[in-house]
Amino acid sequence: MLIAKAARLVIDQNRPSDDQPLYDVGQTKLMTGVLPMQCFSGAAVYLPGQEPTAQEAAARLNRYWQPYHQQLRDCLQNLRQQHGHAVLLDAHSIRAEVPLLFEGVLPDLNLGCNGGLSATPDLLSQAAECLRSGKYSVAVNGRFKGGYITRHYGQPDQNIQALQLEIAQRIYMNEQSPSWDATKGAALQRHLQQLVQLLSNWKPGHGQDHLIGHEIGHD
């Protein structure tokens, strides 16, 4: 499991280093870059005049973004070489209601593969069926189809599959506190263990299988 230690407000590992937008203008009310200037609430991250300089931005990319993605690339390449293919599960969480990003209440589990480009239909359908076997509401390639990591590394023709899972925080914590809910959390852990087991056992038709787990942290 590869875990980013820098909070996404320091640097967003799920955005391209050149800060090219992932979404069409107008698709969302809030565009977040590799160095976010706003929280999802719309509040400014920095006081006026204290925004990161170009030098600070470059330093953060060099200190946090580049090593993280180099490690991720190395992991995927090594696993593919050793096992014939790799499956990347890119996990995030977010509040269930974020008006600047989406309308209404987010489904509990949001599975995406860049509209079918980062994973094969077989893998996607099995993963979606697994998630739907529980008590949680599930969306597939809905509002969250996958960010930079899913889009960049998911190359089924190169034997690297990538799925993004966006989890509504309400199903494992109290969003208002915020605080961990042990009962909800344990139930979700059991359900996600089934997904990880399925991905670990999945085979693309030849060779052995392997899984690299990935978590960026709380949005």
Foldseek 3Di string as FASTA:
>chain_A
DQEAPDAVLLFNLLADLVFDWPDDPPLFLDTATRNGQADLQRHGPDDPPPDDDPVSSVVSCVPGNVVSVVVVVVVQVVCCVVWVAEEEEEEEEEAQDRPRQDPDGHWFKEKAQQPCAQAHPVLQVVLQVLLVVDDTGYHYCDSPRGTNVSVPQRHVVSRYHYMYIYGHCVQAADPVVTDGDVVSNVVVVVSVVSSVVCQLQDDPPDTHYHYDYHYHYYD
